[in-house]
């Protein structure tokens, strides 16, 4: 059975521009939820992705809904693919990657394997996946769904959510969380850059900056 819903509302470009300046590891300093499984890794080191989620659920070896979705996606959309626990069949390879790039897709997160990794990189498609498989999906008429709530890497993703992915991981944010989360991350990154400069110049030690030196010294000294 196939199910398809309308494309979600696009996130404001100003919010995406802010979020693109953030790093997932910085967000991980003050937020614990919305992060995908660390087993989902970037195909190419250093790649980064930020955009509006278009969600797809693909069962077993049927990737018909992915091909269908590529006719409707908009430039800048991020495809988030729930493979419904399948870890055997690769739903995206060189050909689909070319089609995604031609459609303007910003990138793909797939909770399963890919195939043709060098061709995907050559196509210029940012991709995060659970490794590689030589066995591929096909047009099997089993079913699939477009723009429904999905689970990807253990994180719930709603159509229209914000996706930020980089070499450290993937985080999902609800639309109303994007601006404040991005601003806090940018603030911390600027503070971190200043502290790193101090460390490089030998002006301080990390234990003094973090407060760990005083905290541990106090604990070691015992009750006052």
N, C-alpha and C. Protein backbone atom coordinates (compact mmCIF):
# COMPACT_ATOMS: atom_id res chain seq x y z
N UNK A 1 0.85 -1.19 0.00
CA UNK A 1 0.00 0.00 0.00
C UNK A 1 0.89 1.25 0.00
N UNK A 2 0.53 2.18 -0.85
CA UNK A 2 1.28 3.44 -0.94
C UNK A 2 0.45 4.59 -0.36
N UNK A 3 1.14 5.47 0.36
CA UNK A 3 0.51 6.65 0.95
C UNK A 3 1.39 7.86 0.68
N UNK A 4 0.79 8.94 0.23
CA UNK A 4 1.57 10.15 -0.03
C UNK A 4 0.79 11.38 0.40
N UNK A 5 1.47 12.26 1.14
CA UNK A 5 0.89 13.52 1.59
C UNK A 5 1.64 14.69 0.96
N UNK A 6 1.03 15.86 1.04
CA UNK A 6 1.62 17.06 0.42
C UNK A 6 3.00 17.37 1.01
N UNK A 7 3.78 18.08 0.24
CA UNK A 7 5.08 18.51 0.72
C UNK A 7 4.92 19.46 1.91
N UNK A 8 5.80 19.36 2.90
CA UNK A 8 5.67 20.21 4.09
C UNK A 8 6.03 21.65 3.79
N UNK A 9 5.59 22.53 4.67
CA UNK A 9 5.95 23.94 4.56
C UNK A 9 7.46 24.09 4.72
N UNK A 10 8.04 24.91 3.87
CA UNK A 10 9.48 25.13 3.94
C UNK A 10 9.83 25.95 5.17
N UNK A 11 10.95 25.63 5.79
CA UNK A 11 11.44 26.43 6.90
C UNK A 11 11.91 27.79 6.39
N UNK A 12 11.75 28.84 7.18
CA UNK A 12 12.22 30.16 6.75
C UNK A 12 13.72 30.13 6.42
N UNK A 13 14.08 30.74 5.31
CA UNK A 13 15.48 30.71 4.90
C UNK A 13 16.39 31.36 5.94
N UNK A 14 15.88 32.37 6.63
CA UNK A 14 16.70 33.02 7.66
C UNK A 14 17.05 32.04 8.78
N UNK A 15 16.09 31.17 9.14
CA UNK A 15 16.37 30.17 10.17
C UNK A 15 17.39 29.15 9.69
N UNK A 16 17.25 28.72 8.44
CA UNK A 16 18.20 27.75 7.89
C UNK A 16 19.60 28.35 7.77
N UNK A 17 19.68 29.62 7.39
CA UNK A 17 20.98 30.27 7.30
C UNK A 17 21.66 30.33 8.66
N UNK A 18 20.87 30.58 9.71
CA UNK A 18 21.41 30.57 11.07
C UNK A 18 21.89 29.17 11.45
N UNK A 19 21.02 28.18 11.21
CA UNK A 19 21.34 26.81 11.61
C UNK A 19 22.57 26.28 10.88
N UNK A 20 22.75 26.70 9.64
CA UNK A 20 23.90 26.23 8.85
C UNK A 20 25.23 26.67 9.47
N UNK A 21 25.20 27.70 10.32
CA UNK A 21 26.42 28.15 10.98
C UNK A 21 26.75 27.34 12.23
N UNK A 22 25.79 26.52 12.66
CA UNK A 22 25.98 25.73 13.88
C UNK A 22 26.63 24.39 13.56
N UNK A 23 27.20 23.78 14.58
CA UNK A 23 27.78 22.45 14.48
C UNK A 23 26.99 21.50 15.37
N UNK A 24 26.78 20.27 14.90
CA UNK A 24 26.01 19.32 15.71
C UNK A 24 26.68 19.07 17.06
N UNK A 25 28.00 19.04 17.08
CA UNK A 25 28.71 18.79 18.34
C UNK A 25 28.53 19.92 19.33
N UNK A 26 28.36 21.14 18.83
CA UNK A 26 28.08 22.26 19.73
C UNK A 26 26.68 22.12 20.31
N UNK A 27 25.71 21.78 19.47
CA UNK A 27 24.35 21.57 19.95
C UNK A 27 24.32 20.44 20.97
N UNK A 28 25.17 19.44 20.78
CA UNK A 28 25.25 18.33 21.71
C UNK A 28 25.82 18.70 23.07
N UNK A 29 26.34 19.91 23.21
CA UNK A 29 26.81 20.38 24.51
C UNK A 29 25.66 20.83 25.42
N UNK A 30 24.51 21.16 24.80
CA UNK A 30 23.41 21.66 25.64
C UNK A 30 22.07 21.00 25.32
N UNK A 31 22.07 20.04 24.43
CA UNK A 31 20.83 19.36 24.05
C UNK A 31 21.09 17.86 23.96
N UNK A 32 20.14 17.05 24.45
CA UNK A 32 20.33 15.60 24.46
C UNK A 32 19.40 14.85 23.51
N UNK A 33 18.33 15.48 23.06
CA UNK A 33 17.34 14.78 22.25
C UNK A 33 17.41 15.23 20.79
N UNK A 34 16.87 14.38 19.91
CA UNK A 34 16.82 14.71 18.50
C UNK A 34 18.03 14.27 17.70
N UNK A 35 18.96 13.58 18.34
CA UNK A 35 20.17 13.13 17.64
C UNK A 35 19.98 11.71 17.10
N UNK A 36 20.43 11.48 15.89
CA UNK A 36 20.33 10.15 15.29
C UNK A 36 21.48 9.27 15.75
N UNK A 37 21.30 7.97 15.57
CA UNK A 37 22.28 6.96 15.92
C UNK A 37 23.64 7.30 15.29
N UNK A 38 24.70 7.14 16.08
CA UNK A 38 26.04 7.46 15.57
C UNK A 38 26.48 6.52 14.46
N UNK A 39 25.74 5.42 14.25
CA UNK A 39 26.08 4.50 13.16
C UNK A 39 25.79 5.10 11.79
N UNK A 40 24.94 6.13 11.74
CA UNK A 40 24.71 6.83 10.48
C UNK A 40 25.84 7.82 10.26
N UNK A 41 26.65 7.56 9.26
CA UNK A 41 27.86 8.36 9.07
C UNK A 41 27.90 8.96 7.67
N UNK A 42 28.63 10.07 7.51
CA UNK A 42 28.72 10.71 6.20
C UNK A 42 29.55 9.88 5.24
N UNK A 43 29.12 9.87 3.99
CA UNK A 43 29.85 9.12 2.97
C UNK A 43 31.19 9.77 2.66
N UNK A 44 31.22 11.10 2.73
CA UNK A 44 32.45 11.84 2.44
C UNK A 44 32.81 12.71 3.64
N UNK A 45 34.03 12.62 4.14
CA UNK A 45 34.44 13.44 5.29
C UNK A 45 34.30 14.93 4.98
N UNK A 46 33.84 15.68 5.99
CA UNK A 46 33.76 17.12 5.85
C UNK A 46 32.47 17.64 5.26
N UNK A 47 31.58 16.76 4.80
CA UNK A 47 30.35 17.26 4.20
C UNK A 47 29.39 17.76 5.28
N UNK A 48 28.53 18.70 4.89
CA UNK A 48 27.57 19.30 5.82
C UNK A 48 26.24 19.49 5.10
N UNK A 49 25.16 19.43 5.88
CA UNK A 49 23.82 19.47 5.31
C UNK A 49 22.89 20.21 6.25
N UNK A 50 22.05 21.07 5.69
CA UNK A 50 21.05 21.79 6.48
C UNK A 50 19.85 22.06 5.59
N UNK A 51 18.65 21.66 6.05
CA UNK A 51 17.48 21.88 5.23
C UNK A 51 16.21 21.37 5.86
N UNK A 52 15.12 21.43 5.08
CA UNK A 52 13.79 21.00 5.50
C UNK A 52 13.60 19.53 5.19
N UNK A 53 13.10 18.77 6.16
CA UNK A 53 12.94 17.33 5.99
C UNK A 53 11.72 16.97 5.15
N UNK A 54 11.95 16.12 4.15
CA UNK A 54 10.90 15.41 3.43
C UNK A 54 11.08 13.95 3.79
N UNK A 55 10.09 13.35 4.42
CA UNK A 55 10.25 12.01 4.97
C UNK A 55 9.68 10.94 4.04
N UNK A 56 10.38 9.80 4.02
CA UNK A 56 9.97 8.67 3.19
C UNK A 56 10.13 7.39 4.00
N UNK A 57 9.13 6.51 3.93
CA UNK A 57 9.23 5.18 4.54
C UNK A 57 9.27 4.15 3.42
N UNK A 58 10.34 3.36 3.40
CA UNK A 58 10.52 2.35 2.35
C UNK A 58 10.62 0.97 2.96
N UNK A 59 9.70 0.06 2.64
CA UNK A 59 9.77 -1.30 3.18
C UNK A 59 10.61 -2.22 2.31
N UNK A 60 11.44 -3.00 2.96
CA UNK A 60 12.15 -4.10 2.31
C UNK A 60 12.83 -3.65 1.01
N UNK A 61 12.51 -4.34 -0.09
CA UNK A 61 13.25 -4.07 -1.34
C UNK A 61 12.50 -3.15 -2.30
N UNK A 62 11.45 -2.48 -1.84
CA UNK A 62 10.67 -1.60 -2.73
C UNK A 62 11.07 -0.14 -2.54
N UNK A 63 11.65 0.45 -3.57
CA UNK A 63 12.02 1.87 -3.50
C UNK A 63 11.17 2.74 -4.42
N UNK A 64 9.99 2.23 -4.78
CA UNK A 64 9.11 2.99 -5.68
C UNK A 64 8.80 4.38 -5.14
N UNK A 65 8.55 4.48 -3.83
CA UNK A 65 8.16 5.76 -3.25
C UNK A 65 9.31 6.77 -3.30
N UNK A 66 10.54 6.31 -3.22
CA UNK A 66 11.68 7.22 -3.35
C UNK A 66 11.71 7.84 -4.74
N UNK A 67 11.52 7.02 -5.76
CA UNK A 67 11.51 7.53 -7.13
C UNK A 67 10.33 8.49 -7.33
N UNK A 68 9.19 8.15 -6.75
CA UNK A 68 8.02 9.02 -6.82
C UNK A 68 8.32 10.38 -6.18
N UNK A 69 8.93 10.34 -5.01
CA UNK A 69 9.21 11.57 -4.27
C UNK A 69 10.16 12.48 -5.03
N UNK A 70 11.08 11.90 -5.77
CA UNK A 70 12.06 12.71 -6.50
C UNK A 70 11.42 13.52 -7.63
N UNK A 71 10.15 13.23 -7.93
CA UNK A 71 9.43 14.05 -8.91
C UNK A 71 8.82 15.29 -8.27
N UNK A 72 8.71 15.28 -6.93
CA UNK A 72 8.01 16.36 -6.23
C UNK A 72 8.90 17.20 -5.32
N UNK A 73 10.11 16.74 -5.02
CA UNK A 73 10.96 17.48 -4.09
C UNK A 73 11.32 18.85 -4.65
N UNK A 74 11.64 19.75 -3.73
CA UNK A 74 12.00 21.11 -4.09
C UNK A 74 13.48 21.34 -3.81
N UNK A 75 14.10 22.26 -4.51
CA UNK A 75 15.51 22.56 -4.23
C UNK A 75 15.71 22.91 -2.76
N UNK A 76 16.70 22.28 -2.14
CA UNK A 76 17.00 22.54 -0.74
C UNK A 76 16.38 21.56 0.23
N UNK A 77 15.47 20.70 -0.24
CA UNK A 77 14.87 19.70 0.64
C UNK A 77 15.89 18.63 1.03
N UNK A 78 15.68 18.06 2.21
CA UNK A 78 16.51 16.94 2.69
C UNK A 78 15.64 15.70 2.74
N UNK A 79 16.03 14.65 2.04
CA UNK A 79 15.29 13.39 2.09
C UNK A 79 15.73 12.60 3.32
N UNK A 80 14.77 12.26 4.17
CA UNK A 80 15.03 11.44 5.35
C UNK A 80 14.30 10.12 5.14
N UNK A 81 15.06 9.04 5.00
CA UNK A 81 14.49 7.76 4.59
C UNK A 81 14.53 6.75 5.72
N UNK A 82 13.35 6.35 6.16
CA UNK A 82 13.19 5.29 7.16
C UNK A 82 13.09 3.97 6.42
N UNK A 83 14.05 3.08 6.64
CA UNK A 83 14.07 1.79 5.94
C UNK A 83 13.30 0.71 6.70
N UNK A 84 12.59 1.13 7.74
CA UNK A 84 11.70 0.20 8.46
C UNK A 84 12.44 -1.06 8.90
N UNK A 85 13.63 -0.84 9.46
CA UNK A 85 14.49 -1.87 10.04
C UNK A 85 15.26 -2.71 9.01
N UNK A 86 15.08 -2.44 7.73
CA UNK A 86 15.85 -3.21 6.74
C UNK A 86 17.30 -2.73 6.72
N UNK A 87 18.24 -3.66 6.74
CA UNK A 87 19.66 -3.34 6.71
C UNK A 87 20.36 -4.05 5.54
N UNK A 88 19.58 -4.63 4.65
CA UNK A 88 20.17 -5.45 3.59
C UNK A 88 20.17 -4.76 2.23
N UNK A 89 19.06 -4.11 1.89
CA UNK A 89 18.90 -3.56 0.55
C UNK A 89 19.28 -2.08 0.50
N UNK A 90 20.12 -1.72 -0.45
CA UNK A 90 20.51 -0.32 -0.65
C UNK A 90 19.48 0.36 -1.55
N UNK A 91 18.90 1.45 -1.06
CA UNK A 91 17.85 2.13 -1.84
C UNK A 91 18.40 3.28 -2.67
N UNK A 92 19.67 3.61 -2.48
CA UNK A 92 20.23 4.73 -3.24
C UNK A 92 21.65 4.39 -3.69
N UNK A 93 21.89 4.63 -4.98
CA UNK A 93 23.21 4.42 -5.57
C UNK A 93 23.52 5.56 -6.52
N UNK A 94 24.38 5.30 -7.48
CA UNK A 94 24.82 6.36 -8.37
C UNK A 94 23.71 7.00 -9.18
N UNK A 95 22.81 6.18 -9.75
CA UNK A 95 21.74 6.70 -10.58
C UNK A 95 20.75 7.55 -9.81
N UNK A 96 20.31 7.06 -8.65
CA UNK A 96 19.37 7.81 -7.83
C UNK A 96 20.03 9.08 -7.30
N UNK A 97 21.32 9.00 -6.98
CA UNK A 97 22.04 10.18 -6.51
C UNK A 97 22.05 11.27 -7.58
N UNK A 98 22.29 10.88 -8.82
CA UNK A 98 22.25 11.86 -9.92
C UNK A 98 20.87 12.49 -10.04
N UNK A 99 19.83 11.66 -9.91
CA UNK A 99 18.46 12.16 -10.00
C UNK A 99 18.16 13.14 -8.87
N UNK A 100 18.66 12.83 -7.68
CA UNK A 100 18.44 13.70 -6.52
C UNK A 100 19.13 15.04 -6.71
N UNK A 101 20.36 15.02 -7.17
CA UNK A 101 21.10 16.26 -7.41
C UNK A 101 20.41 17.09 -8.49
N UNK A 102 19.95 16.42 -9.55
CA UNK A 102 19.26 17.13 -10.63
C UNK A 102 17.98 17.79 -10.14
N UNK A 103 17.34 17.19 -9.12
CA UNK A 103 16.11 17.74 -8.56
C UNK A 103 16.37 18.84 -7.53
N UNK A 104 17.65 19.05 -7.19
CA UNK A 104 18.00 20.09 -6.24
C UNK A 104 18.01 19.66 -4.80
N UNK A 105 17.94 18.36 -4.54
CA UNK A 105 17.95 17.85 -3.16
C UNK A 105 19.24 18.28 -2.47
N UNK A 106 19.10 18.80 -1.24
CA UNK A 106 20.28 19.26 -0.50
C UNK A 106 21.11 18.10 0.01
N UNK A 107 20.47 16.97 0.29
CA UNK A 107 21.18 15.80 0.78
C UNK A 107 20.20 14.73 1.21
N UNK A 108 20.75 13.58 1.60
CA UNK A 108 19.93 12.42 1.97
C UNK A 108 20.44 11.81 3.26
N UNK A 109 19.51 11.48 4.15
CA UNK A 109 19.80 10.68 5.34
C UNK A 109 19.04 9.38 5.18
N UNK A 110 19.71 8.25 5.14
CA UNK A 110 19.03 6.97 4.98
C UNK A 110 19.41 6.03 6.11
N UNK A 111 18.40 5.51 6.80
CA UNK A 111 18.62 4.59 7.92
C UNK A 111 18.78 3.18 7.37
N UNK A 112 19.82 3.01 6.57
CA UNK A 112 20.12 1.76 5.89
C UNK A 112 21.32 1.98 5.01
N UNK A 113 21.70 0.97 4.22
CA UNK A 113 22.90 1.11 3.40
C UNK A 113 22.65 1.83 2.09
N UNK A 114 23.75 2.26 1.49
CA UNK A 114 23.74 2.77 0.12
C UNK A 114 24.57 1.83 -0.73
N UNK A 115 24.67 2.11 -2.01
CA UNK A 115 25.56 1.38 -2.90
C UNK A 115 26.21 2.38 -3.86
N UNK A 116 27.21 1.94 -4.60
CA UNK A 116 27.94 2.84 -5.51
C UNK A 116 28.48 4.07 -4.79
N UNK A 117 29.18 3.93 -3.68
CA UNK A 117 29.58 5.11 -2.90
C UNK A 117 30.42 6.10 -3.69
N UNK A 118 31.33 5.62 -4.52
CA UNK A 118 32.17 6.56 -5.28
C UNK A 118 31.34 7.35 -6.28
N UNK A 119 30.31 6.72 -6.85
CA UNK A 119 29.45 7.42 -7.80
C UNK A 119 28.59 8.47 -7.09
N UNK A 120 28.17 8.16 -5.87
CA UNK A 120 27.38 9.14 -5.10
C UNK A 120 28.23 10.36 -4.79
N UNK A 121 29.47 10.12 -4.39
CA UNK A 121 30.39 11.23 -4.11
C UNK A 121 30.64 12.04 -5.38
N UNK A 122 30.86 11.35 -6.49
CA UNK A 122 31.11 12.03 -7.76
C UNK A 122 29.91 12.88 -8.18
N UNK A 123 28.71 12.39 -7.87
CA UNK A 123 27.49 13.14 -8.22
C UNK A 123 27.36 14.40 -7.38
N UNK A 124 28.06 14.45 -6.25
CA UNK A 124 28.02 15.63 -5.39
C UNK A 124 26.86 15.64 -4.41
N UNK A 125 26.31 14.45 -4.09
CA UNK A 125 25.18 14.37 -3.17
C UNK A 125 25.66 14.10 -1.75
N UNK A 126 25.44 15.02 -0.81
CA UNK A 126 25.75 14.73 0.59
C UNK A 126 24.84 13.60 1.09
N UNK A 127 25.44 12.55 1.65
CA UNK A 127 24.68 11.38 2.07
C UNK A 127 25.21 10.84 3.39
N UNK A 128 24.27 10.51 4.28
CA UNK A 128 24.59 9.81 5.53
C UNK A 128 23.85 8.49 5.50
N UNK A 129 24.54 7.39 5.82
CA UNK A 129 23.90 6.07 5.74
C UNK A 129 24.54 5.12 6.74
N UNK A 130 24.01 3.89 6.76
CA UNK A 130 24.56 2.83 7.60
C UNK A 130 25.47 1.91 6.79
N UNK A 131 26.42 2.47 6.10
CA UNK A 131 27.36 1.65 5.36
C UNK A 131 26.91 1.36 3.94
N UNK A 132 27.45 0.27 3.39
CA UNK A 132 27.29 -0.04 1.96
C UNK A 132 26.80 -1.47 1.78
N UNK A 133 25.97 -1.68 0.76
CA UNK A 133 25.50 -3.02 0.41
C UNK A 133 25.45 -3.15 -1.11
N UNK A 134 25.81 -4.33 -1.66
CA UNK A 134 25.71 -4.52 -3.10
C UNK A 134 24.32 -4.93 -3.55
N UNK A 135 23.43 -5.25 -2.60
CA UNK A 135 22.08 -5.71 -2.95
C UNK A 135 21.15 -4.51 -2.95
N UNK A 136 20.44 -4.31 -4.04
CA UNK A 136 19.67 -3.08 -4.20
C UNK A 136 18.16 -3.31 -4.13
N UNK A 137 17.46 -2.22 -3.83
CA UNK A 137 16.00 -2.22 -3.92
C UNK A 137 15.59 -2.19 -5.39
N UNK A 138 14.27 -2.28 -5.61
CA UNK A 138 13.75 -2.25 -6.98
C UNK A 138 12.29 -1.81 -6.95
N UNK A 139 11.65 -1.79 -8.12
CA UNK A 139 10.23 -1.45 -8.20
C UNK A 139 9.44 -2.72 -7.90
N UNK A 140 9.09 -2.91 -6.63
CA UNK A 140 8.53 -4.20 -6.20
C UNK A 140 7.04 -4.15 -5.87
N UNK A 141 6.43 -2.97 -5.88
CA UNK A 141 4.99 -2.83 -5.61
C UNK A 141 4.58 -3.37 -4.25
N UNK A 142 5.46 -3.19 -3.26
CA UNK A 142 5.13 -3.62 -1.89
C UNK A 142 4.43 -2.50 -1.14
N UNK A 143 4.94 -1.28 -1.31
CA UNK A 143 4.33 -0.14 -0.63
C UNK A 143 5.37 0.89 -0.23
N UNK A 144 4.92 1.91 0.46
CA UNK A 144 5.79 2.98 0.92
C UNK A 144 4.96 4.20 1.27
N UNK A 145 5.59 5.16 1.92
CA UNK A 145 4.86 6.36 2.35
C UNK A 145 5.73 7.59 2.21
N UNK A 146 5.07 8.70 1.87
CA UNK A 146 5.75 9.98 1.70
C UNK A 146 5.15 11.01 2.65
N UNK A 147 6.03 11.68 3.38
CA UNK A 147 5.65 12.76 4.29
C UNK A 147 4.71 12.29 5.41
N UNK A 148 5.19 11.28 6.12
CA UNK A 148 4.56 10.83 7.36
C UNK A 148 5.62 10.90 8.45
N UNK A 149 5.24 10.86 9.73
CA UNK A 149 6.25 10.77 10.79
C UNK A 149 7.05 9.48 10.63
N UNK A 150 8.37 9.58 10.71
CA UNK A 150 9.23 8.40 10.57
C UNK A 150 10.22 8.35 11.73
N UNK A 151 10.85 7.20 11.85
CA UNK A 151 11.97 7.03 12.78
C UNK A 151 13.22 6.79 11.96
N UNK A 152 14.20 7.65 12.14
CA UNK A 152 15.45 7.52 11.39
C UNK A 152 16.61 7.60 12.37
N UNK A 153 17.37 6.54 12.47
CA UNK A 153 18.47 6.52 13.42
C UNK A 153 18.00 6.69 14.85
N UNK A 154 16.79 6.23 15.14
CA UNK A 154 16.26 6.32 16.49
C UNK A 154 15.64 7.65 16.85
N UNK A 155 15.65 8.60 15.92
CA UNK A 155 15.06 9.92 16.15
C UNK A 155 13.76 10.04 15.37
N UNK A 156 12.75 10.62 16.00
CA UNK A 156 11.49 10.88 15.31
C UNK A 156 11.68 12.10 14.40
N UNK A 157 11.27 11.94 13.15
CA UNK A 157 11.37 13.05 12.19
C UNK A 157 9.99 13.30 11.59
N UNK A 158 9.53 14.53 11.71
CA UNK A 158 8.26 14.94 11.12
C UNK A 158 8.54 15.67 9.81
N UNK A 159 7.65 15.53 8.83
CA UNK A 159 7.82 16.33 7.61
C UNK A 159 7.88 17.82 7.98
N UNK A 160 8.87 18.51 7.45
CA UNK A 160 9.02 19.93 7.75
C UNK A 160 9.97 20.24 8.89
N UNK A 161 10.49 19.21 9.56
CA UNK A 161 11.50 19.43 10.60
C UNK A 161 12.79 19.96 9.97
N UNK A 162 13.63 20.52 10.80
CA UNK A 162 14.96 20.96 10.34
C UNK A 162 15.96 19.84 10.56
N UNK A 163 16.82 19.63 9.58
CA UNK A 163 17.89 18.64 9.67
C UNK A 163 19.23 19.36 9.57
N UNK A 164 20.10 19.09 10.54
CA UNK A 164 21.48 19.56 10.48
C UNK A 164 22.37 18.34 10.60
N UNK A 165 23.22 18.13 9.61
CA UNK A 165 24.12 16.98 9.62
C UNK A 165 25.52 17.43 9.23
N UNK A 166 26.51 16.89 9.93
CA UNK A 166 27.90 17.18 9.60
C UNK A 166 28.75 15.96 9.95
N UNK A 167 30.06 16.13 10.03
CA UNK A 167 30.93 14.99 10.26
C UNK A 167 30.80 14.42 11.67
N UNK A 168 30.18 15.16 12.58
CA UNK A 168 30.01 14.69 13.95
C UNK A 168 28.69 13.97 14.18
N UNK A 169 27.70 14.19 13.32
CA UNK A 169 26.42 13.53 13.52
C UNK A 169 25.26 14.25 12.87
N UNK A 170 24.05 13.88 13.30
CA UNK A 170 22.81 14.40 12.71
C UNK A 170 21.86 14.77 13.83
N UNK A 171 21.28 15.97 13.76
CA UNK A 171 20.30 16.39 14.75
C UNK A 171 19.04 16.87 14.04
N UNK A 172 17.90 16.55 14.65
CA UNK A 172 16.58 16.93 14.14
C UNK A 172 15.99 17.97 15.08
N UNK A 173 15.47 19.06 14.53
CA UNK A 173 14.86 20.12 15.32
C UNK A 173 13.46 20.42 14.80
N UNK A 174 12.53 20.65 15.72
CA UNK A 174 11.21 21.11 15.32
C UNK A 174 11.33 22.57 14.83
N UNK A 175 10.45 22.97 13.92
CA UNK A 175 10.57 24.32 13.35
C UNK A 175 10.68 25.43 14.38
N UNK A 176 9.93 25.34 15.48
CA UNK A 176 9.96 26.42 16.47
C UNK A 176 11.24 26.41 17.31
N UNK A 177 12.05 25.36 17.20
CA UNK A 177 13.28 25.27 17.98
C UNK A 177 14.50 25.80 17.23
N UNK A 178 14.37 25.98 15.93
CA UNK A 178 15.54 26.20 15.09
C UNK A 178 16.30 27.47 15.45
N UNK A 179 15.62 28.60 15.45
CA UNK A 179 16.31 29.88 15.63
C UNK A 179 17.03 29.97 16.98
N UNK A 180 16.34 29.64 18.06
CA UNK A 180 16.95 29.74 19.39
C UNK A 180 18.11 28.76 19.54
N UNK A 181 17.92 27.53 19.02
CA UNK A 181 18.99 26.53 19.11
C UNK A 181 20.21 26.98 18.32
N UNK A 182 19.99 27.51 17.13
CA UNK A 182 21.10 27.97 16.30
C UNK A 182 21.84 29.13 16.96
N UNK A 183 21.11 30.08 17.52
CA UNK A 183 21.75 31.23 18.16
C UNK A 183 22.60 30.79 19.35
N UNK A 184 22.07 29.87 20.15
CA UNK A 184 22.84 29.39 21.30
C UNK A 184 24.10 28.66 20.85
N UNK A 185 23.99 27.86 19.79
CA UNK A 185 25.17 27.15 19.28
C UNK A 185 26.22 28.13 18.76
N UNK A 186 25.78 29.14 18.02
CA UNK A 186 26.72 30.13 17.48
C UNK A 186 27.40 30.88 18.62
N UNK A 187 26.64 31.24 19.65
CA UNK A 187 27.21 31.94 20.80
C UNK A 187 28.29 31.08 21.45
N UNK A 188 28.02 29.81 21.63
CA UNK A 188 28.99 28.92 22.26
C UNK A 188 30.21 28.70 21.37
N UNK A 189 29.99 28.64 20.06
CA UNK A 189 31.12 28.46 19.15
C UNK A 189 32.05 29.67 19.18
N UNK A 190 31.47 30.86 19.25
CA UNK A 190 32.30 32.07 19.33
C UNK A 190 33.08 32.10 20.63
N UNK A 191 32.44 31.72 21.73
CA UNK A 191 33.13 31.67 23.02
C UNK A 191 34.23 30.60 22.99
N UNK A 192 33.91 29.47 22.35
CA UNK A 192 34.90 28.39 22.26
C UNK A 192 36.12 28.80 21.45
N UNK A 193 35.89 29.56 20.38
CA UNK A 193 37.02 30.01 19.56
C UNK A 193 37.93 30.93 20.36
N UNK A 194 37.34 31.79 21.18
CA UNK A 194 38.13 32.68 22.03
C UNK A 194 38.95 31.89 23.04
N UNK A 195 38.34 30.88 23.62
CA UNK A 195 39.05 30.06 24.60
C UNK A 195 40.17 29.26 23.96
N UNK A 196 39.94 28.78 22.74
CA UNK A 196 40.99 28.05 22.04
C UNK A 196 42.19 28.94 21.76
N UNK A 197 41.93 30.19 21.42
CA UNK A 197 43.03 31.14 21.21
C UNK A 197 43.85 31.32 22.49
N UNK A 198 43.17 31.38 23.63
CA UNK A 198 43.87 31.51 24.91
C UNK A 198 44.73 30.28 25.19
N UNK A 199 44.22 29.10 24.86
CA UNK A 199 44.98 27.86 25.05
C UNK A 199 46.20 27.83 24.14
N UNK A 200 46.03 28.25 22.90
CA UNK A 200 47.15 28.26 21.95
C UNK A 200 48.26 29.20 22.43
N UNK A 201 47.87 30.31 23.02
CA UNK A 201 48.87 31.28 23.49
C UNK A 201 49.46 30.90 24.84
N UNK A 202 48.98 29.82 25.41
CA UNK A 202 49.50 29.37 26.69
C UNK A 202 49.07 30.23 27.86
N UNK A 203 47.97 30.97 27.71
CA UNK A 203 47.52 31.88 28.76
C UNK A 203 46.74 31.19 29.86
N UNK A 204 46.30 29.97 29.61
CA UNK A 204 45.50 29.25 30.60
C UNK A 204 45.56 27.76 30.33
N UNK A 205 44.95 26.98 31.20
CA UNK A 205 44.81 25.53 31.02
C UNK A 205 43.32 25.21 30.95
N UNK A 206 43.01 24.08 30.31
CA UNK A 206 41.60 23.76 30.08
C UNK A 206 40.85 23.54 31.40
N UNK A 207 41.54 23.02 32.41
CA UNK A 207 40.88 22.82 33.70
C UNK A 207 40.47 24.12 34.36
N UNK A 208 41.23 25.17 34.11
CA UNK A 208 40.87 26.48 34.65
C UNK A 208 39.68 27.08 33.89
N UNK A 209 39.67 26.88 32.57
CA UNK A 209 38.58 27.40 31.76
C UNK A 209 37.25 26.72 32.08
N UNK A 210 37.29 25.41 32.25
CA UNK A 210 36.06 24.66 32.48
C UNK A 210 35.59 24.68 33.93
N UNK A 211 36.49 25.07 34.82
CA UNK A 211 36.17 25.02 36.25
C UNK A 211 36.47 23.68 36.88
N UNK A 212 36.98 22.74 36.08
CA UNK A 212 37.25 21.39 36.59
C UNK A 212 38.35 21.40 37.65
N UNK A 213 39.33 22.28 37.48
CA UNK A 213 40.44 22.31 38.45
C UNK A 213 39.92 22.61 39.86
N UNK A 214 39.12 23.66 39.99
CA UNK A 214 38.59 24.02 41.30
C UNK A 214 37.60 22.97 41.81
N UNK A 215 36.79 22.42 40.91
CA UNK A 215 35.78 21.44 41.31
C UNK A 215 36.44 20.18 41.89
N UNK A 216 37.45 19.67 41.17
CA UNK A 216 38.12 18.45 41.63
C UNK A 216 38.95 18.72 42.88
N UNK A 217 39.64 19.87 42.90
CA UNK A 217 40.46 20.21 44.07
C UNK A 217 39.59 20.28 45.32
N UNK A 218 38.42 20.86 45.18
CA UNK A 218 37.51 20.97 46.33
C UNK A 218 37.05 19.59 46.79
N UNK A 219 36.75 18.70 45.82
CA UNK A 219 36.32 17.35 46.18
C UNK A 219 37.44 16.57 46.84
N UNK A 220 38.67 16.77 46.36
CA UNK A 220 39.82 16.05 46.92
C UNK A 220 40.16 16.51 48.34
N UNK A 221 39.85 17.77 48.61
CA UNK A 221 40.20 18.30 49.93
C UNK A 221 39.29 17.79 51.04
N UNK A 222 38.15 17.19 50.63
CA UNK A 222 37.24 16.63 51.62
C UNK A 222 36.35 17.68 52.24
N UNK A 223 35.50 17.27 53.19
CA UNK A 223 34.57 18.21 53.84
C UNK A 223 35.34 19.32 54.54
N UNK A 224 34.79 20.52 54.42
CA UNK A 224 35.45 21.65 55.08
C UNK A 224 35.02 21.75 56.53
